[in-house]
Amino acid sequence: MRPALEANSYEIDVAGTVAEATRRIAANVPDIVVLDLGLPDGDGKDVIRNVREWSDVPIVVLSARDREIEKIEALDLGADDYVNKPFSVGELLARMRTATRHRMKRNDENPVLSVADIEIDSIRHRIMRGTVEIKLTPKEFELLSFLARHAGKVLTHRQILTAVWGPAHTMDTQYLRVYVGQLRQKIEAKPDDPHIIMTEPGVGYRIIEH
């Protein structure tokens, strides 16, 4: 991976263990972390757990573990994305760019977010498509806003339910599907063939970037 990343103007710092990775991330404050889960002194998810206690650095997991539960656990701990091996360098670079842009947008905390042809005004609690206002219920607005603040990032069912409905509702995935369906009816040109709110089967949802 080093030649491909360096050819795309990345400076590389390599760590081979959970402990070393945690130390290097703390000391060097990288722009992004590409993380393998199979490390000799533990699970790569321990790196996510450690780093998320004090940093929002983008983390893209790169692993041969393709079970849904592995993806969900890594994302729930705070990873920004998950790329399965084998992978193409082009796909990895695209995911890295998306994770970096997402962090920049999150830190800027723009009160007006744009997704596709929709503007979400978090101050006025208003959704506009051009000059037309889209009427949403308060909970639909909260759900769409949360997805939009994390545009391009896979969000697990648990993450969304905790943020929008609270920790007592982390298992209410059917409830979430109903609300996503209602949102799609209001914002998608073809609700049965969505192009704004995308389903990540077995994991959660991802809203497209502007």
N, C-alpha and C. Protein backbone atom coordinates (compact mmCIF):
# COMPACT_ATOMS: atom_id res chain seq x y z
N MET A 1 0.81 -1.21 0.00
CA MET A 1 0.00 0.00 0.00
C MET A 1 0.85 1.27 0.00
N ARG A 2 2.06 1.21 0.59
CA ARG A 2 2.85 2.43 0.74
C ARG A 2 3.10 3.15 -0.60
N PRO A 3 3.56 2.44 -1.68
CA PRO A 3 3.80 3.16 -2.93
C PRO A 3 2.56 3.85 -3.48
N ALA A 4 1.40 3.18 -3.37
CA ALA A 4 0.16 3.76 -3.90
C ALA A 4 -0.24 5.00 -3.12
N LEU A 5 -0.12 4.94 -1.80
CA LEU A 5 -0.50 6.08 -0.98
C LEU A 5 0.49 7.24 -1.15
N GLU A 6 1.77 6.93 -1.20
CA GLU A 6 2.76 7.99 -1.40
C GLU A 6 2.62 8.63 -2.77
N ALA A 7 2.22 7.84 -3.77
CA ALA A 7 2.00 8.39 -5.11
C ALA A 7 0.83 9.36 -5.13
N ASN A 8 -0.05 9.26 -4.12
CA ASN A 8 -1.19 10.16 -4.00
C ASN A 8 -0.98 11.20 -2.89
N SER A 9 0.31 11.49 -2.63
CA SER A 9 0.73 12.60 -1.76
C SER A 9 0.46 12.38 -0.28
N TYR A 10 0.33 11.13 0.14
CA TYR A 10 0.22 10.83 1.57
C TYR A 10 1.61 10.56 2.15
N GLU A 11 1.88 11.10 3.32
CA GLU A 11 3.06 10.74 4.09
C GLU A 11 2.65 9.62 5.05
N ILE A 12 3.43 8.54 5.07
CA ILE A 12 3.01 7.32 5.76
C ILE A 12 3.78 7.14 7.06
N ASP A 13 3.05 6.76 8.11
CA ASP A 13 3.65 6.36 9.38
C ASP A 13 3.04 5.00 9.72
N VAL A 14 3.87 3.99 9.93
CA VAL A 14 3.39 2.63 10.09
C VAL A 14 3.52 2.17 11.54
N ALA A 15 2.48 1.51 12.05
CA ALA A 15 2.52 0.88 13.37
C ALA A 15 2.05 -0.56 13.23
N GLY A 16 2.71 -1.48 13.95
CA GLY A 16 2.41 -2.90 13.77
C GLY A 16 1.61 -3.54 14.88
N THR A 17 1.32 -2.79 15.94
CA THR A 17 0.59 -3.36 17.07
C THR A 17 -0.46 -2.36 17.57
N VAL A 18 -1.38 -2.85 18.41
CA VAL A 18 -2.38 -1.97 19.01
C VAL A 18 -1.71 -0.90 19.84
N ALA A 19 -0.76 -1.29 20.67
CA ALA A 19 -0.09 -0.34 21.56
C ALA A 19 0.68 0.71 20.77
N GLU A 20 1.42 0.26 19.76
CA GLU A 20 2.22 1.19 18.98
C GLU A 20 1.32 2.14 18.19
N ALA A 21 0.24 1.61 17.63
CA ALA A 21 -0.68 2.45 16.86
C ALA A 21 -1.29 3.53 17.75
N THR A 22 -1.73 3.16 18.94
CA THR A 22 -2.33 4.13 19.85
C THR A 22 -1.33 5.22 20.21
N ARG A 23 -0.06 4.83 20.47
CA ARG A 23 0.97 5.82 20.82
C ARG A 23 1.25 6.76 19.65
N ARG A 24 1.39 6.19 18.46
CA ARG A 24 1.75 7.01 17.29
C ARG A 24 0.63 7.97 16.92
N ILE A 25 -0.62 7.51 17.01
CA ILE A 25 -1.75 8.39 16.70
C ILE A 25 -1.79 9.56 17.68
N ALA A 26 -1.53 9.27 18.96
CA ALA A 26 -1.52 10.32 19.97
C ALA A 26 -0.38 11.31 19.75
N ALA A 27 0.78 10.79 19.36
CA ALA A 27 1.97 11.63 19.24
C ALA A 27 2.00 12.44 17.94
N ASN A 28 1.53 11.84 16.86
CA ASN A 28 1.71 12.46 15.54
C ASN A 28 0.45 13.10 14.98
N VAL A 29 -0.71 12.86 15.57
CA VAL A 29 -1.98 13.45 15.15
C VAL A 29 -2.15 13.35 13.62
N PRO A 30 -2.35 12.16 13.09
CA PRO A 30 -2.47 12.00 11.63
C PRO A 30 -3.77 12.59 11.09
N ASP A 31 -3.81 12.79 9.78
CA ASP A 31 -5.03 13.27 9.12
C ASP A 31 -6.04 12.15 8.97
N ILE A 32 -5.55 10.90 8.87
CA ILE A 32 -6.44 9.75 8.73
C ILE A 32 -5.70 8.49 9.14
N VAL A 33 -6.45 7.51 9.63
CA VAL A 33 -5.89 6.22 10.03
C VAL A 33 -6.51 5.13 9.17
N VAL A 34 -5.66 4.30 8.56
CA VAL A 34 -6.11 3.09 7.87
C VAL A 34 -5.73 1.92 8.76
N LEU A 35 -6.72 1.17 9.21
CA LEU A 35 -6.52 0.22 10.31
C LEU A 35 -6.89 -1.20 9.92
N ASP A 36 -5.96 -2.14 10.12
CA ASP A 36 -6.25 -3.57 9.98
C ASP A 36 -6.73 -4.08 11.33
N LEU A 37 -7.68 -5.01 11.33
CA LEU A 37 -8.19 -5.54 12.59
C LEU A 37 -7.33 -6.66 13.15
N GLY A 38 -6.56 -7.32 12.31
CA GLY A 38 -5.74 -8.44 12.76
C GLY A 38 -4.35 -7.99 13.16
N LEU A 39 -4.16 -7.63 14.43
CA LEU A 39 -2.87 -7.17 14.93
C LEU A 39 -2.32 -8.18 15.93
N PRO A 40 -0.99 -8.29 16.04
CA PRO A 40 -0.40 -9.38 16.83
C PRO A 40 -0.66 -9.30 18.34
N ASP A 41 -0.90 -8.10 18.86
CA ASP A 41 -1.09 -8.00 20.32
C ASP A 41 -2.54 -7.74 20.71
N GLY A 42 -3.46 -7.88 19.77
CA GLY A 42 -4.87 -7.66 20.09
C GLY A 42 -5.69 -7.41 18.85
N ASP A 43 -6.90 -6.94 19.04
CA ASP A 43 -7.82 -6.67 17.96
C ASP A 43 -7.73 -5.20 17.57
N GLY A 44 -7.74 -4.93 16.27
CA GLY A 44 -7.70 -3.55 15.81
C GLY A 44 -8.82 -2.70 16.36
N LYS A 45 -9.93 -3.35 16.74
CA LYS A 45 -11.04 -2.58 17.33
C LYS A 45 -10.62 -1.91 18.64
N ASP A 46 -9.59 -2.49 19.29
CA ASP A 46 -9.07 -1.86 20.51
C ASP A 46 -8.45 -0.50 20.20
N VAL A 47 -7.86 -0.37 19.02
CA VAL A 47 -7.30 0.93 18.61
C VAL A 47 -8.43 1.95 18.48
N ILE A 48 -9.52 1.54 17.83
CA ILE A 48 -10.66 2.46 17.68
C ILE A 48 -11.17 2.87 19.05
N ARG A 49 -11.34 1.89 19.94
CA ARG A 49 -11.86 2.16 21.28
C ARG A 49 -10.94 3.14 22.03
N ASN A 50 -9.63 2.91 21.95
CA ASN A 50 -8.68 3.77 22.64
C ASN A 50 -8.69 5.19 22.08
N VAL A 51 -8.60 5.28 20.75
CA VAL A 51 -8.45 6.58 20.10
C VAL A 51 -9.71 7.43 20.25
N ARG A 52 -10.87 6.79 20.21
CA ARG A 52 -12.12 7.54 20.29
C ARG A 52 -12.36 8.16 21.67
N GLU A 53 -11.54 7.81 22.64
CA GLU A 53 -11.65 8.46 23.94
C GLU A 53 -11.17 9.90 23.91
N TRP A 54 -10.33 10.23 22.89
CA TRP A 54 -9.75 11.58 22.87
C TRP A 54 -9.57 12.18 21.48
N SER A 55 -9.95 11.48 20.43
CA SER A 55 -9.71 12.01 19.08
C SER A 55 -10.84 11.65 18.13
N ASP A 56 -11.13 12.56 17.18
CA ASP A 56 -12.11 12.27 16.13
C ASP A 56 -11.43 12.04 14.78
N VAL A 57 -10.14 11.68 14.81
CA VAL A 57 -9.41 11.42 13.56
C VAL A 57 -10.18 10.39 12.73
N PRO A 58 -10.32 10.61 11.42
CA PRO A 58 -11.01 9.61 10.58
C PRO A 58 -10.30 8.26 10.62
N ILE A 59 -11.07 7.20 10.76
CA ILE A 59 -10.52 5.84 10.80
C ILE A 59 -11.24 4.99 9.75
N VAL A 60 -10.48 4.47 8.79
CA VAL A 60 -11.01 3.56 7.79
C VAL A 60 -10.45 2.17 8.08
N VAL A 61 -11.33 1.23 8.37
CA VAL A 61 -10.92 -0.14 8.68
C VAL A 61 -10.71 -0.89 7.37
N LEU A 62 -9.60 -1.60 7.29
CA LEU A 62 -9.26 -2.40 6.12
C LEU A 62 -8.99 -3.81 6.61
N SER A 63 -9.87 -4.76 6.26
CA SER A 63 -9.74 -6.09 6.86
C SER A 63 -10.33 -7.18 5.99
N ALA A 64 -9.78 -8.39 6.16
CA ALA A 64 -10.32 -9.56 5.47
C ALA A 64 -11.53 -10.12 6.19
N ARG A 65 -11.81 -9.65 7.39
CA ARG A 65 -12.99 -10.11 8.13
C ARG A 65 -14.23 -9.50 7.49
N ASP A 66 -15.05 -10.32 6.86
CA ASP A 66 -16.18 -9.79 6.12
C ASP A 66 -17.53 -10.06 6.79
N ARG A 67 -17.49 -10.58 8.02
CA ARG A 67 -18.76 -10.82 8.71
C ARG A 67 -19.41 -9.50 9.10
N GLU A 68 -20.73 -9.42 8.96
CA GLU A 68 -21.44 -8.18 9.27
C GLU A 68 -21.19 -7.73 10.70
N ILE A 69 -21.10 -8.68 11.64
CA ILE A 69 -20.92 -8.32 13.04
C ILE A 69 -19.61 -7.57 13.24
N GLU A 70 -18.56 -7.93 12.48
CA GLU A 70 -17.28 -7.23 12.60
C GLU A 70 -17.42 -5.78 12.13
N LYS A 71 -18.12 -5.59 11.02
CA LYS A 71 -18.33 -4.24 10.51
C LYS A 71 -19.12 -3.41 11.51
N ILE A 72 -20.20 -4.00 12.02
CA ILE A 72 -21.07 -3.27 12.95
C ILE A 72 -20.31 -2.88 14.21
N GLU A 73 -19.51 -3.81 14.75
CA GLU A 73 -18.77 -3.50 15.97
C GLU A 73 -17.76 -2.38 15.73
N ALA A 74 -17.05 -2.44 14.59
CA ALA A 74 -16.06 -1.40 14.29
C ALA A 74 -16.72 -0.04 14.09
N LEU A 75 -17.83 -0.03 13.39
CA LEU A 75 -18.54 1.23 13.15
C LEU A 75 -19.16 1.77 14.44
N ASP A 76 -19.73 0.89 15.24
CA ASP A 76 -20.30 1.32 16.51
C ASP A 76 -19.25 1.93 17.43
N LEU A 77 -18.02 1.42 17.35
CA LEU A 77 -16.95 1.96 18.19
C LEU A 77 -16.45 3.31 17.70
N GLY A 78 -16.79 3.65 16.43
CA GLY A 78 -16.41 4.97 15.94
C GLY A 78 -15.62 5.00 14.65
N ALA A 79 -15.43 3.83 14.00
CA ALA A 79 -14.78 3.85 12.69
C ALA A 79 -15.65 4.61 11.69
N ASP A 80 -15.02 5.27 10.74
CA ASP A 80 -15.77 6.05 9.75
C ASP A 80 -16.21 5.20 8.56
N ASP A 81 -15.45 4.16 8.25
CA ASP A 81 -15.81 3.33 7.10
C ASP A 81 -15.10 2.00 7.23
N TYR A 82 -15.47 1.06 6.34
CA TYR A 82 -14.96 -0.31 6.41
C TYR A 82 -14.76 -0.81 4.99
N VAL A 83 -13.53 -1.19 4.64
CA VAL A 83 -13.21 -1.69 3.31
C VAL A 83 -12.77 -3.14 3.43
N ASN A 84 -13.42 -4.02 2.69
CA ASN A 84 -13.09 -5.45 2.74
C ASN A 84 -11.90 -5.78 1.83
N LYS A 85 -11.05 -6.70 2.30
CA LYS A 85 -10.03 -7.30 1.43
C LYS A 85 -10.67 -8.46 0.68
N PRO A 86 -10.29 -8.71 -0.56
CA PRO A 86 -9.41 -7.89 -1.39
C PRO A 86 -10.08 -6.59 -1.80
N PHE A 87 -9.29 -5.56 -2.08
CA PHE A 87 -9.84 -4.25 -2.37
C PHE A 87 -9.04 -3.62 -3.51
N SER A 88 -9.61 -2.61 -4.12
CA SER A 88 -8.86 -1.84 -5.12
C SER A 88 -8.32 -0.59 -4.44
N VAL A 89 -7.14 -0.17 -4.85
CA VAL A 89 -6.54 1.04 -4.28
C VAL A 89 -7.43 2.24 -4.55
N GLY A 90 -8.07 2.26 -5.73
CA GLY A 90 -8.95 3.37 -6.06
C GLY A 90 -10.10 3.49 -5.09
N GLU A 91 -10.69 2.34 -4.71
CA GLU A 91 -11.80 2.37 -3.75
C GLU A 91 -11.31 2.86 -2.40
N LEU A 92 -10.16 2.35 -1.94
CA LEU A 92 -9.63 2.77 -0.64
C LEU A 92 -9.37 4.27 -0.62
N LEU A 93 -8.75 4.80 -1.67
CA LEU A 93 -8.46 6.24 -1.73
C LEU A 93 -9.75 7.05 -1.70
N ALA A 94 -10.78 6.57 -2.40
CA ALA A 94 -12.07 7.29 -2.40
C ALA A 94 -12.68 7.29 -1.01
N ARG A 95 -12.63 6.15 -0.32
CA ARG A 95 -13.17 6.08 1.04
C ARG A 95 -12.38 6.99 1.99
N MET A 96 -11.08 7.06 1.81
CA MET A 96 -10.24 7.93 2.63
C MET A 96 -10.59 9.40 2.41
N ARG A 97 -10.79 9.77 1.15
CA ARG A 97 -11.16 11.17 0.85
C ARG A 97 -12.50 11.51 1.48
N THR A 98 -13.45 10.58 1.38
CA THR A 98 -14.78 10.82 1.95
C THR A 98 -14.70 10.99 3.46
N ALA A 99 -13.95 10.13 4.13
CA ALA A 99 -13.82 10.21 5.59
C ALA A 99 -13.17 11.53 6.00
N THR A 100 -12.18 11.98 5.23
CA THR A 100 -11.50 13.24 5.55
C THR A 100 -12.43 14.42 5.35
N ARG A 101 -13.19 14.42 4.24
CA ARG A 101 -14.14 15.52 4.00
C ARG A 101 -15.20 15.56 5.10
N HIS A 102 -15.65 14.38 5.50
CA HIS A 102 -16.68 14.31 6.54
C HIS A 102 -16.18 14.94 7.84
N ARG A 103 -14.94 14.66 8.21
CA ARG A 103 -14.39 15.25 9.43
C ARG A 103 -14.31 16.77 9.32
N MET A 104 -13.89 17.27 8.17
CA MET A 104 -13.79 18.71 7.97
C MET A 104 -15.16 19.37 8.09
N LYS A 105 -16.18 18.75 7.50
CA LYS A 105 -17.53 19.30 7.58
C LYS A 105 -18.05 19.27 9.01
N ARG A 106 -17.78 18.16 9.71
CA ARG A 106 -18.25 18.02 11.07
C ARG A 106 -17.64 19.09 11.98
N ASN A 107 -16.36 19.35 11.80
CA ASN A 107 -15.68 20.33 12.64
C ASN A 107 -16.12 21.75 12.33
N ASP A 108 -16.56 21.98 11.09
CA ASP A 108 -17.02 23.32 10.70
C ASP A 108 -18.40 23.60 11.28
N GLU A 109 -19.20 22.52 11.48
CA GLU A 109 -20.54 22.64 12.08
C GLU A 109 -21.41 23.67 11.35
N ASN A 110 -21.49 23.55 10.05
CA ASN A 110 -22.32 24.45 9.25
C ASN A 110 -23.79 24.25 9.61
N PRO A 111 -24.52 25.32 9.97
CA PRO A 111 -25.93 25.15 10.34
C PRO A 111 -26.84 24.80 9.17
N VAL A 112 -26.36 25.03 7.92
CA VAL A 112 -27.14 24.69 6.73
C VAL A 112 -26.38 23.62 5.97
N LEU A 113 -26.98 22.44 5.86
CA LEU A 113 -26.35 21.32 5.18
C LEU A 113 -27.03 21.07 3.84
N SER A 114 -26.26 20.63 2.86
CA SER A 114 -26.80 20.31 1.54
C SER A 114 -26.61 18.83 1.26
N VAL A 115 -27.68 18.17 0.86
CA VAL A 115 -27.65 16.76 0.46
C VAL A 115 -28.42 16.65 -0.84
N ALA A 116 -27.72 16.20 -1.90
CA ALA A 116 -28.33 16.16 -3.24
C ALA A 116 -28.88 17.56 -3.55
N ASP A 117 -30.17 17.69 -3.84
CA ASP A 117 -30.74 19.00 -4.15
C ASP A 117 -31.55 19.56 -2.98
N ILE A 118 -31.24 19.09 -1.77
CA ILE A 118 -31.99 19.48 -0.58
C ILE A 118 -31.11 20.29 0.36
N GLU A 119 -31.65 21.34 0.94
CA GLU A 119 -30.97 22.11 1.97
C GLU A 119 -31.65 21.89 3.32
N ILE A 120 -30.84 21.62 4.33
CA ILE A 120 -31.35 21.36 5.68
C ILE A 120 -30.87 22.48 6.58
N ASP A 121 -31.79 23.31 7.03
CA ASP A 121 -31.47 24.45 7.89
C ASP A 121 -31.77 24.05 9.33
N SER A 122 -30.71 23.78 10.11
CA SER A 122 -30.91 23.28 11.47
C SER A 122 -31.35 24.38 12.43
N ILE A 123 -31.15 25.64 12.06
CA ILE A 123 -31.58 26.75 12.92
C ILE A 123 -33.08 26.99 12.75
N ARG A 124 -33.52 27.08 11.51
CA ARG A 124 -34.94 27.32 11.23
C ARG A 124 -35.77 26.04 11.22
N HIS A 125 -35.10 24.89 11.32
CA HIS A 125 -35.78 23.59 11.25
C HIS A 125 -36.63 23.52 9.98
N ARG A 126 -35.95 23.76 8.84
CA ARG A 126 -36.66 23.82 7.57
C ARG A 126 -35.89 23.04 6.51
N ILE A 127 -36.60 22.29 5.69
CA ILE A 127 -36.03 21.53 4.59
C ILE A 127 -36.53 22.14 3.29
N MET A 128 -35.59 22.52 2.42
CA MET A 128 -35.97 23.16 1.16
C MET A 128 -35.40 22.39 -0.03
N ARG A 129 -36.23 22.26 -1.05
CA ARG A 129 -35.76 21.80 -2.37
C ARG A 129 -36.02 22.95 -3.31
N GLY A 130 -34.97 23.70 -3.62
CA GLY A 130 -35.15 24.93 -4.38
C GLY A 130 -35.96 25.92 -3.56
N THR A 131 -37.09 26.34 -4.09
CA THR A 131 -37.96 27.28 -3.37
C THR A 131 -39.13 26.58 -2.67
N VAL A 132 -39.14 25.25 -2.74
CA VAL A 132 -40.25 24.48 -2.17
C VAL A 132 -39.84 23.89 -0.83
N GLU A 133 -40.64 24.13 0.20
CA GLU A 133 -40.36 23.55 1.51
C GLU A 133 -40.94 22.15 1.61
N ILE A 134 -40.13 21.23 2.13
CA ILE A 134 -40.57 19.85 2.36
C ILE A 134 -40.98 19.73 3.82
N LYS A 135 -42.21 19.37 4.05
CA LYS A 135 -42.73 19.29 5.42
C LYS A 135 -42.35 17.95 6.06
N LEU A 136 -41.64 18.03 7.18
CA LEU A 136 -41.27 16.83 7.94
C LEU A 136 -41.77 16.96 9.37
N THR A 137 -42.03 15.83 9.99
CA THR A 137 -42.33 15.84 11.42
C THR A 137 -41.03 16.15 12.17
N PRO A 138 -41.12 16.57 13.44
CA PRO A 138 -39.89 16.85 14.20
C PRO A 138 -38.92 15.67 14.24
N LYS A 139 -39.43 14.47 14.40
CA LYS A 139 -38.55 13.31 14.47
C LYS A 139 -37.95 12.98 13.10
N GLU A 140 -38.71 13.16 12.03
CA GLU A 140 -38.16 12.97 10.68
C GLU A 140 -37.05 13.98 10.42
N PHE A 141 -37.26 15.22 10.87
CA PHE A 141 -36.24 16.25 10.69
C PHE A 141 -34.97 15.88 11.46
N GLU A 142 -35.14 15.41 12.68
CA GLU A 142 -33.99 15.04 13.50
C GLU A 142 -33.22 13.88 12.86
N LEU A 143 -33.94 12.91 12.32
CA LEU A 143 -33.30 11.77 11.67
C LEU A 143 -32.54 12.21 10.42
N LEU A 144 -33.18 13.00 9.57
CA LEU A 144 -32.52 13.45 8.35
C LEU A 144 -31.30 14.31 8.68
N SER A 145 -31.41 15.18 9.68
CA SER A 145 -30.29 16.04 10.07
C SER A 145 -29.11 15.22 10.56
N PHE A 146 -29.40 14.19 11.36
CA PHE A 146 -28.32 13.34 11.87
C PHE A 146 -27.61 12.62 10.72
N LEU A 147 -28.38 12.07 9.80
CA LEU A 147 -27.77 11.41 8.64
C LEU A 147 -26.94 12.40 7.83
N ALA A 148 -27.47 13.61 7.63
CA ALA A 148 -26.79 14.61 6.81
C ALA A 148 -25.50 15.10 7.45
N ARG A 149 -25.48 15.19 8.78
CA ARG A 149 -24.25 15.62 9.46
C ARG A 149 -23.14 14.59 9.30
N HIS A 150 -23.51 13.38 8.94
CA HIS A 150 -22.52 12.31 8.74
C HIS A 150 -22.57 11.80 7.30
N ALA A 151 -22.82 12.71 6.36
CA ALA A 151 -22.96 12.33 4.94
C ALA A 151 -21.73 11.57 4.47
N GLY A 152 -21.99 10.47 3.76
CA GLY A 152 -20.91 9.64 3.24
C GLY A 152 -20.45 8.57 4.19
N LYS A 153 -20.88 8.63 5.43
CA LYS A 153 -20.44 7.66 6.46
C LYS A 153 -21.52 6.61 6.70
N VAL A 154 -21.12 5.37 6.82
CA VAL A 154 -22.06 4.31 7.19
C VAL A 154 -22.40 4.47 8.66
N LEU A 155 -23.69 4.60 8.97
CA LEU A 155 -24.15 4.68 10.35
C LEU A 155 -24.92 3.40 10.67
N THR A 156 -24.58 2.77 11.78
CA THR A 156 -25.28 1.54 12.15
C THR A 156 -26.66 1.86 12.71
N HIS A 157 -27.52 0.84 12.72
CA HIS A 157 -28.84 1.00 13.32
C HIS A 157 -28.71 1.52 14.76
N ARG A 158 -27.78 0.95 15.51
CA ARG A 158 -27.60 1.33 16.91
C ARG A 158 -27.20 2.79 17.04
N GLN A 159 -26.27 3.24 16.21
CA GLN A 159 -25.83 4.63 16.27
C GLN A 159 -26.98 5.60 16.01
N ILE A 160 -27.78 5.29 14.99
CA ILE A 160 -28.88 6.18 14.62
C ILE A 160 -29.96 6.17 15.71
N LEU A 161 -30.34 4.98 16.15
CA LEU A 161 -31.39 4.89 17.16
C LEU A 161 -30.98 5.56 18.46
N THR A 162 -29.72 5.40 18.86
CA THR A 162 -29.24 6.04 20.09
C THR A 162 -29.27 7.55 19.97
N ALA A 163 -28.81 8.08 18.82
CA ALA A 163 -28.72 9.53 18.64
C ALA A 163 -30.09 10.18 18.53
N VAL A 164 -31.03 9.52 17.85
CA VAL A 164 -32.32 10.15 17.54
C VAL A 164 -33.39 9.80 18.57
N TRP A 165 -33.40 8.55 19.04
CA TRP A 165 -34.45 8.12 19.96
C TRP A 165 -33.96 7.85 21.39
N GLY A 166 -32.64 7.73 21.56
CA GLY A 166 -32.11 7.49 22.89
C GLY A 166 -31.69 6.04 23.09
N PRO A 167 -30.84 5.79 24.10
CA PRO A 167 -30.28 4.45 24.31
C PRO A 167 -31.30 3.37 24.64
N ALA A 168 -32.49 3.75 25.07
CA ALA A 168 -33.51 2.74 25.38
C ALA A 168 -34.09 2.11 24.12
N HIS A 169 -33.78 2.67 22.94
CA HIS A 169 -34.40 2.20 21.70
C HIS A 169 -33.39 1.58 20.72
N THR A 170 -32.25 1.12 21.23
CA THR A 170 -31.20 0.64 20.33
C THR A 170 -31.59 -0.61 19.56
N MET A 171 -32.62 -1.32 19.98
CA MET A 171 -33.01 -2.55 19.29
C MET A 171 -34.22 -2.35 18.38
N ASP A 172 -34.75 -1.13 18.31
CA ASP A 172 -35.99 -0.89 17.56
C ASP A 172 -35.71 -0.65 16.07
N THR A 173 -35.06 -1.62 15.42
CA THR A 173 -34.67 -1.42 14.03
C THR A 173 -35.88 -1.31 13.10
N GLN A 174 -36.96 -2.01 13.41
CA GLN A 174 -38.15 -1.91 12.57
C GLN A 174 -38.73 -0.51 12.63
N TYR A 175 -38.70 0.09 13.81
CA TYR A 175 -39.14 1.47 14.01
C TYR A 175 -38.34 2.40 13.11
N LEU A 176 -37.03 2.18 13.05
CA LEU A 176 -36.15 3.00 12.21
C LEU A 176 -36.49 2.81 10.74
N ARG A 177 -36.74 1.59 10.32
CA ARG A 177 -37.08 1.33 8.92
C ARG A 177 -38.34 2.09 8.52
N VAL A 178 -39.31 2.15 9.42
CA VAL A 178 -40.55 2.88 9.13
C VAL A 178 -40.24 4.36 8.88
N TYR A 179 -39.43 4.95 9.74
CA TYR A 179 -39.12 6.37 9.59
C TYR A 179 -38.28 6.64 8.35
N VAL A 180 -37.34 5.76 8.05
CA VAL A 180 -36.56 5.93 6.82
C VAL A 180 -37.48 5.83 5.61
N GLY A 181 -38.43 4.90 5.65
CA GLY A 181 -39.40 4.78 4.57
C GLY A 181 -40.22 6.04 4.40
N GLN A 182 -40.64 6.65 5.52
CA GLN A 182 -41.41 7.90 5.46
C GLN A 182 -40.57 9.03 4.87
N LEU A 183 -39.30 9.09 5.28
CA LEU A 183 -38.41 10.13 4.74
C LEU A 183 -38.23 9.95 3.24
N ARG A 184 -38.03 8.72 2.80
CA ARG A 184 -37.85 8.47 1.38
C ARG A 184 -39.06 8.89 0.57
N GLN A 185 -40.24 8.69 1.12
CA GLN A 185 -41.46 9.11 0.43
C GLN A 185 -41.48 10.62 0.21
N LYS A 186 -40.84 11.36 1.09
CA LYS A 186 -40.89 12.82 1.03
C LYS A 186 -39.73 13.45 0.28
N ILE A 187 -38.55 12.78 0.25
CA ILE A 187 -37.39 13.43 -0.35
C ILE A 187 -36.83 12.73 -1.58
N GLU A 188 -37.20 11.46 -1.79
CA GLU A 188 -36.67 10.73 -2.94
C GLU A 188 -37.57 10.89 -4.15
N ALA A 189 -36.98 11.04 -5.33
CA ALA A 189 -37.77 11.08 -6.56
C ALA A 189 -38.48 9.76 -6.79
N LYS A 190 -37.77 8.66 -6.49
CA LYS A 190 -38.35 7.32 -6.59
C LYS A 190 -38.10 6.61 -5.26
N PRO A 191 -39.03 6.67 -4.33
CA PRO A 191 -38.81 6.08 -3.00
C PRO A 191 -38.43 4.60 -3.01
N ASP A 192 -38.92 3.86 -4.01
CA ASP A 192 -38.60 2.43 -4.09
C ASP A 192 -37.23 2.17 -4.71
N ASP A 193 -36.61 3.21 -5.25
CA ASP A 193 -35.26 3.12 -5.83
C ASP A 193 -34.46 4.32 -5.33
N PRO A 194 -34.16 4.35 -4.03
CA PRO A 194 -33.58 5.55 -3.42
C PRO A 194 -32.17 5.87 -3.91
N HIS A 195 -31.89 7.17 -4.01
CA HIS A 195 -30.56 7.63 -4.40
C HIS A 195 -29.99 8.64 -3.41
N ILE A 196 -30.70 8.89 -2.32
CA ILE A 196 -30.21 9.83 -1.30
C ILE A 196 -29.90 9.07 -0.01
N ILE A 197 -30.87 8.37 0.54
CA ILE A 197 -30.65 7.56 1.73
C ILE A 197 -30.46 6.12 1.28
N MET A 198 -29.23 5.63 1.40
CA MET A 198 -28.90 4.30 0.91
C MET A 198 -28.86 3.30 2.06
N THR A 199 -29.37 2.11 1.82
CA THR A 199 -29.36 1.03 2.82
C THR A 199 -28.04 0.27 2.74
N GLU A 200 -27.41 0.06 3.90
CA GLU A 200 -26.25 -0.82 4.00
C GLU A 200 -26.78 -2.12 4.63
N PRO A 201 -27.07 -3.15 3.82
CA PRO A 201 -27.77 -4.34 4.30
C PRO A 201 -27.16 -4.94 5.56
N GLY A 202 -28.01 -5.14 6.57
CA GLY A 202 -27.59 -5.75 7.81
C GLY A 202 -26.81 -4.85 8.74
N VAL A 203 -26.48 -3.64 8.27
CA VAL A 203 -25.63 -2.74 9.06
C VAL A 203 -26.36 -1.47 9.45
N GLY A 204 -26.86 -0.72 8.46
CA GLY A 204 -27.51 0.55 8.76
C GLY A 204 -27.79 1.34 7.50
N TYR A 205 -27.47 2.63 7.54
CA TYR A 205 -27.77 3.51 6.40
C TYR A 205 -26.61 4.47 6.15
N ARG A 206 -26.54 4.95 4.90
CA ARG A 206 -25.57 5.96 4.50
C ARG A 206 -26.29 6.98 3.63
N ILE A 207 -26.17 8.25 3.97
CA ILE A 207 -26.75 9.29 3.13
C ILE A 207 -25.66 9.79 2.19
N ILE A 208 -26.01 10.09 0.97
CA ILE A 208 -25.01 10.48 -0.01
C ILE A 208 -24.40 11.82 0.36
N GLU A 209 -23.18 12.06 -0.12
CA GLU A 209 -22.57 13.38 0.04
C GLU A 209 -23.10 14.32 -1.02
N HIS A 210 -23.03 15.62 -0.73
CA HIS A 210 -23.46 16.64 -1.69
C HIS A 210 -22.60 16.57 -2.95
